[in-house]
Amino acid sequence: MTQPLLQVRDLCVDFVLEDRTIEAVRSASFEVAAAETLAIVGESGSGKSVTALALTRLLPMPPAVIRRGAISFQEENVLAMNSSQLRQLRGGKIAYIFQEPSTSLNPVFTVRSQIAEAIHLHRQDIHDVNAEVVRWLDAVGITNPAQRMHDYPHQLSGGMQQRVMIAMALACQPDILIADEPTTALDVTIQAQIMDLLASLKERFGMAVILITHNFGIVSGFAARVLVMYRGRIVEQGPTEEILRHPQHPYTRALIDCIPQLGTKEKRLRTIDHEALRAE
């Protein structure tokens, strides 16, 4: 039996504040296989981004505390890694792209310098860094990459900035790409382009992808499996098409009902009745 690339068991993450403790993630368990695409779906505050950041211990500690659980990447204990091992893991093995590329990119450095920094950190075997930067910018669909690599982030559109973030992540050739709400700050047309790009790059380079999203509408056709988080817990997980067709948990059904449907006569999008969910 093939060993999963990533294993998470009974993960519990708290945020300890002066007057209270917030249980952000409670007893989360899941696996990611090599080259698999997994979607983690839930509303803001459900714990999905905290879970994603905990995978490489990127959470600020304090106030974050991993109360218990285990995280294993390629059968290595992530929670026991030292700072040097974590630097190799972050970016080199597990890379992230986030929902706000305009704030993730450094405004005072060119596109070239930011991608080159990632290459220097994780791929010392590369001698022609400029050629490698051009290669990855071309791979994510940026035209005239040899010219555009000298641009600053403010000279690029939001969609192009997100493509640069994807190029920066892929330049390190990670085993897992975590895309945390990668389309939220983009208009609908550009959202579709970015999702198509991620799907094609995933197939081309054979990496695993973890998609973090609140939108079930972009999950179908992209992710093979989905897990649903609600109030810090994984309430349902399984094959994407099965969950979309036969959701078992009321929160999953509520999320799916919020997807806009063509041909309906409703004047407003449905909202989730959290009081009713708590009563079930």
Protein backbone atom coordinates (compact mmCIF):
# COMPACT_ATOMS: atom_id res chain seq x y z
CA MET A 1 0.00 0.00 0.00
CA THR A 2 1.40 3.39 -1.03
CA GLN A 3 2.17 5.71 1.88
CA PRO A 4 0.34 9.07 1.72
CA LEU A 5 2.51 12.11 0.99
CA LEU A 6 0.95 14.01 3.91
CA GLN A 7 -0.83 12.69 6.97
CA VAL A 8 -2.62 14.73 9.62
CA ARG A 9 -3.96 13.02 12.72
CA ASP A 10 -6.13 14.51 15.49
CA LEU A 11 -4.78 18.04 14.94
CA CYS A 12 -5.93 20.58 17.53
CA VAL A 13 -4.90 24.25 17.28
CA ASP A 14 -5.82 26.93 19.83
CA PHE A 15 -5.26 30.67 19.97
CA VAL A 16 -4.50 31.69 23.55
CA LEU A 17 -5.50 35.27 24.27
CA GLU A 18 -5.35 37.24 27.52
CA ASP A 19 -8.98 36.65 28.44
CA ARG A 20 -9.92 33.50 26.53
CA THR A 21 -8.80 30.56 24.42
CA ILE A 22 -10.18 30.05 20.92
CA GLU A 23 -10.32 26.50 19.62
CA ALA A 24 -9.54 27.13 15.94
CA VAL A 25 -9.04 23.52 14.80
CA ARG A 26 -10.45 20.53 16.64
CA SER A 27 -9.38 16.94 16.01
CA ALA A 28 -8.73 17.28 12.26
CA SER A 29 -7.54 14.14 10.48
CA PHE A 30 -6.93 13.68 6.76
CA GLU A 31 -4.40 12.50 4.17
CA VAL A 32 -3.07 13.75 0.83
CA ALA A 33 -1.62 11.33 -1.70
CA ALA A 34 1.07 12.21 -4.22
CA ALA A 35 -0.38 14.15 -7.21
CA GLU A 36 -3.82 14.27 -5.55
CA THR A 37 -6.08 17.33 -5.54
CA LEU A 38 -7.92 17.96 -2.26
CA ALA A 39 -10.31 20.83 -1.55
CA ILE A 40 -10.91 22.11 1.98
CA VAL A 41 -14.22 23.99 1.99
CA GLY A 42 -15.81 26.20 4.62
CA GLU A 43 -16.76 29.75 5.51
CA SER A 44 -14.38 32.33 6.94
CA GLY A 45 -13.49 31.30 10.48
CA SER A 46 -14.12 27.61 9.90
CA GLY A 47 -10.46 26.72 10.52
CA LYS A 48 -9.39 25.80 7.00
CA SER A 49 -6.60 28.39 6.61
CA VAL A 50 -5.32 27.73 10.14
CA THR A 51 -5.14 24.04 9.24
CA ALA A 52 -3.20 24.85 6.06
CA LEU A 53 -0.69 27.07 7.88
CA ALA A 54 -0.23 24.50 10.65
CA LEU A 55 1.02 21.96 8.08
CA THR A 56 4.40 23.75 7.95
CA ARG A 57 4.14 25.41 11.37
CA LEU A 58 3.69 28.87 9.86
CA LEU A 59 1.25 29.96 12.58
CA PRO A 60 2.53 32.65 14.96
CA MET A 61 3.37 30.94 18.25
CA PRO A 62 2.19 32.51 20.48
CA PRO A 63 -0.73 33.13 20.35
CA ALA A 64 -1.20 29.89 18.37
CA VAL A 65 -0.61 26.59 20.15
CA ILE A 66 -0.75 23.11 18.62
CA ARG A 67 -2.40 21.34 21.54
CA ARG A 68 -2.08 17.83 20.20
CA GLY A 69 -1.98 15.77 17.06
CA ALA A 70 0.53 14.64 14.46
CA ILE A 71 1.62 16.00 11.08
CA SER A 72 3.72 13.73 8.88
CA PHE A 73 5.22 14.69 5.50
CA GLN A 74 6.94 11.90 3.57
CA GLU A 75 6.90 9.95 6.84
CA GLU A 76 8.83 12.71 8.67
CA ASN A 77 7.42 14.27 11.84
CA VAL A 78 6.82 17.96 11.01
CA LEU A 79 6.16 18.88 14.64
CA ALA A 80 9.65 17.61 15.58
CA MET A 81 11.52 19.47 12.81
CA ASN A 82 14.12 22.09 13.71
CA SER A 83 14.28 25.53 12.09
CA SER A 84 16.65 24.38 9.32
CA GLN A 85 14.40 21.47 8.37
CA LEU A 86 11.36 23.74 8.38
CA ARG A 87 13.07 26.19 6.00
CA GLN A 88 13.61 23.33 3.56
CA LEU A 89 10.02 22.15 3.96
CA ARG A 90 8.46 25.59 3.42
CA GLY A 91 8.58 26.42 -0.24
CA GLY A 92 10.88 23.58 -1.20
CA LYS A 93 8.44 20.76 -0.37
CA ILE A 94 5.18 22.52 0.47
CA ALA A 95 4.54 25.88 -1.21
CA TYR A 96 1.71 28.39 -0.75
CA ILE A 97 -0.16 30.92 -2.84
CA PHE A 98 -2.57 33.28 -1.10
CA GLN A 99 -5.69 35.24 -1.94
CA GLU A 100 -4.13 38.72 -1.98
CA PRO A 101 -1.13 38.72 -4.34
CA SER A 102 -0.83 42.51 -4.05
CA THR A 103 0.04 42.14 -0.36
CA SER A 104 2.04 38.91 -0.74
CA LEU A 105 4.45 40.41 -3.29
CA ASN A 106 7.05 42.92 -2.06
CA PRO A 107 6.30 46.25 -3.79
CA VAL A 108 9.94 47.45 -3.81
CA PHE A 109 11.44 44.42 -5.59
CA THR A 110 11.02 43.34 -9.20
CA VAL A 111 9.27 40.14 -10.21
CA ARG A 112 12.64 38.68 -11.19
CA SER A 113 14.27 39.33 -7.83
CA GLN A 114 11.39 37.78 -5.89
CA ILE A 115 11.27 34.58 -7.94
CA ALA A 116 15.09 34.42 -7.99
CA GLU A 117 15.19 34.57 -4.19
CA ALA A 118 12.97 31.48 -3.97
CA ILE A 119 15.20 29.69 -6.49
CA HIS A 120 18.39 30.60 -4.57
CA LEU A 121 16.87 29.28 -1.32
CA HIS A 122 15.66 25.92 -2.61
CA ARG A 123 17.41 25.11 -5.89
CA GLN A 124 21.13 25.77 -5.63
CA ASP A 125 21.66 23.56 -8.69
CA ILE A 126 20.30 26.29 -10.99
CA HIS A 127 23.11 28.34 -12.57
CA ASP A 128 21.17 30.48 -15.08
CA VAL A 129 18.61 32.02 -12.74
CA ASN A 130 17.31 34.49 -15.34
CA ALA A 131 16.49 31.65 -17.73
CA GLU A 132 14.72 29.79 -14.93
CA VAL A 133 12.65 32.86 -14.00
CA VAL A 134 11.65 33.30 -17.66
CA ARG A 135 10.77 29.62 -17.87
CA TRP A 136 8.32 29.77 -14.98
CA LEU A 137 6.76 33.07 -16.00
CA ASP A 138 6.16 31.54 -19.41
CA ALA A 139 4.70 28.40 -17.80
CA VAL A 140 2.05 30.44 -15.98
CA GLY A 141 1.05 32.28 -19.13
CA ILE A 142 2.73 35.68 -18.78
CA THR A 143 3.53 37.09 -22.23
CA ASN A 144 6.99 38.56 -22.93
CA PRO A 145 8.39 37.02 -19.73
CA ALA A 146 11.96 38.20 -20.41
CA GLN A 147 10.66 41.77 -20.35
CA ARG A 148 7.96 41.47 -17.69
CA MET A 149 10.31 39.94 -15.12
CA HIS A 150 11.81 43.40 -14.66
CA ASP A 151 8.41 44.88 -13.73
CA TYR A 152 7.39 45.79 -10.19
CA PRO A 153 4.16 44.34 -8.74
CA HIS A 154 2.22 47.62 -9.13
CA GLN A 155 2.80 47.44 -12.89
CA LEU A 156 0.84 44.18 -13.11
CA SER A 157 -2.89 43.48 -12.98
CA GLY A 158 -4.33 41.39 -10.15
CA GLY A 159 -4.50 38.32 -12.37
CA MET A 160 -0.90 38.73 -13.48
CA GLN A 161 0.22 39.23 -9.88
CA GLN A 162 -1.43 35.94 -8.96
CA ARG A 163 0.32 34.25 -11.89
CA VAL A 164 3.64 35.58 -10.56
CA MET A 165 2.82 34.12 -7.13
CA ILE A 166 2.12 30.75 -8.77
CA ALA A 167 5.39 30.97 -10.73
CA MET A 168 7.29 31.75 -7.52
CA ALA A 169 5.77 28.73 -5.77
CA LEU A 170 6.35 26.34 -8.68
CA ALA A 171 9.94 27.50 -9.25
CA CYS A 172 10.85 25.61 -6.07
CA GLN A 173 9.28 22.44 -7.55
CA PRO A 174 7.22 21.58 -4.45
CA ASP A 175 5.52 18.24 -3.86
CA ILE A 176 2.39 20.01 -2.55
CA LEU A 177 0.98 23.38 -3.61
CA ILE A 178 -1.47 24.92 -1.14
CA ALA A 179 -3.73 27.48 -2.84
CA ASP A 180 -5.49 29.47 -0.11
CA GLU A 181 -8.48 31.26 -1.66
CA PRO A 182 -6.41 32.00 -4.80
CA THR A 183 -9.28 33.66 -6.71
CA THR A 184 -11.07 35.71 -4.05
CA ALA A 185 -9.59 39.10 -5.00
CA LEU A 186 -10.13 38.56 -8.75
CA ASP A 187 -13.10 39.13 -11.04
CA VAL A 188 -15.09 36.15 -12.29
CA THR A 189 -13.39 35.87 -15.69
CA ILE A 190 -9.90 35.95 -14.18
CA GLN A 191 -10.98 33.49 -11.48
CA ALA A 192 -11.79 30.92 -14.16
CA GLN A 193 -8.46 31.53 -15.88
CA ILE A 194 -6.51 31.01 -12.63
CA MET A 195 -8.38 27.79 -11.81
CA ASP A 196 -7.78 26.47 -15.34
CA LEU A 197 -4.11 27.38 -14.99
CA LEU A 198 -3.78 25.56 -11.64
CA ALA A 199 -5.45 22.47 -13.10
CA SER A 200 -3.15 22.40 -16.14
CA LEU A 201 -0.01 22.99 -14.06
CA LYS A 202 -1.02 20.25 -11.64
CA GLU A 203 -1.30 17.78 -14.52
CA ARG A 204 1.90 19.01 -16.18
CA PHE A 205 4.15 18.81 -13.12
CA GLY A 206 2.42 16.02 -11.17
CA MET A 207 2.26 17.82 -7.84
CA ALA A 208 -0.44 17.49 -5.21
CA VAL A 209 -2.72 20.50 -4.69
CA ILE A 210 -4.68 21.51 -1.59
CA LEU A 211 -7.31 24.11 -2.52
CA ILE A 212 -8.66 26.20 0.35
CA THR A 213 -11.98 27.84 -0.54
CA HIS A 214 -15.37 28.93 0.74
CA ASN A 215 -16.91 28.38 -2.70
CA PHE A 216 -18.22 24.94 -3.61
CA GLY A 217 -18.81 26.30 -7.11
CA ILE A 218 -15.11 26.10 -8.05
CA VAL A 219 -14.52 22.66 -6.51
CA SER A 220 -16.38 20.48 -9.00
CA GLY A 221 -14.14 19.47 -11.87
CA PHE A 222 -11.00 20.54 -10.01
CA ALA A 223 -10.66 18.48 -6.82
CA ALA A 224 -10.93 14.70 -6.61
CA ARG A 225 -11.73 14.81 -2.89
CA VAL A 226 -13.22 17.41 -0.62
CA LEU A 227 -13.37 17.88 3.12
CA VAL A 228 -15.80 20.31 4.73
CA MET A 229 -14.87 22.29 7.86
CA TYR A 230 -17.35 23.90 10.23
CA ARG A 231 -16.43 25.65 13.49
CA GLY A 232 -12.97 24.08 13.53
CA ARG A 233 -14.06 20.52 12.80
CA ILE A 234 -14.06 18.38 9.67
CA VAL A 235 -17.73 17.48 9.44
CA GLU A 236 -17.61 15.57 6.15
CA GLN A 237 -15.07 14.32 3.63
CA GLY A 238 -15.05 12.09 0.59
CA PRO A 239 -15.04 12.05 -3.23
CA THR A 240 -16.12 15.43 -4.58
CA GLU A 241 -18.90 14.24 -6.89
CA GLU A 242 -20.36 12.00 -4.19
CA ILE A 243 -20.51 14.84 -1.66
CA LEU A 244 -21.97 17.26 -4.21
CA ARG A 245 -24.70 14.78 -5.13
CA HIS A 246 -25.37 13.29 -1.70
CA PRO A 247 -24.18 15.63 1.09
CA GLN A 248 -24.70 14.08 4.52
CA HIS A 249 -24.05 16.94 6.92
CA PRO A 250 -26.54 19.85 7.10
CA TYR A 251 -23.71 22.39 6.85
CA THR A 252 -22.49 20.78 3.63
CA ARG A 253 -26.02 20.93 2.24
CA ALA A 254 -26.26 24.59 3.25
CA LEU A 255 -22.97 25.43 1.49
CA ILE A 256 -24.11 23.70 -1.69
CA ASP A 257 -27.48 25.47 -1.57
CA CYS A 258 -25.60 28.80 -1.60
CA ILE A 259 -24.19 28.12 -5.08
CA PRO A 260 -26.01 30.38 -7.59
CA GLN A 261 -28.09 28.34 -10.04
CA LEU A 262 -28.99 29.33 -13.58
CA GLY A 263 -32.71 29.48 -14.25
CA THR A 264 -33.80 30.11 -10.65
CA LYS A 265 -36.12 33.00 -9.87
CA GLU A 266 -34.68 33.84 -6.44
CA LYS A 267 -33.83 37.54 -6.11
CA ARG A 268 -31.17 37.01 -3.44
CA LEU A 269 -28.53 34.37 -2.78
CA ARG A 270 -29.33 32.01 0.08
CA THR A 271 -27.55 32.47 3.38
CA ILE A 272 -26.64 29.84 5.96
CA ASP A 273 -28.83 29.63 9.06
CA HIS A 274 -26.22 28.95 11.74
CA GLU A 275 -28.75 28.90 14.56
CA ALA A 276 -30.60 26.08 12.84
CA LEU A 277 -27.31 24.19 12.32
CA ARG A 278 -26.44 24.47 16.01
CA ALA A 279 -29.86 23.06 16.91
CA GLU A 280 -29.35 19.93 14.79
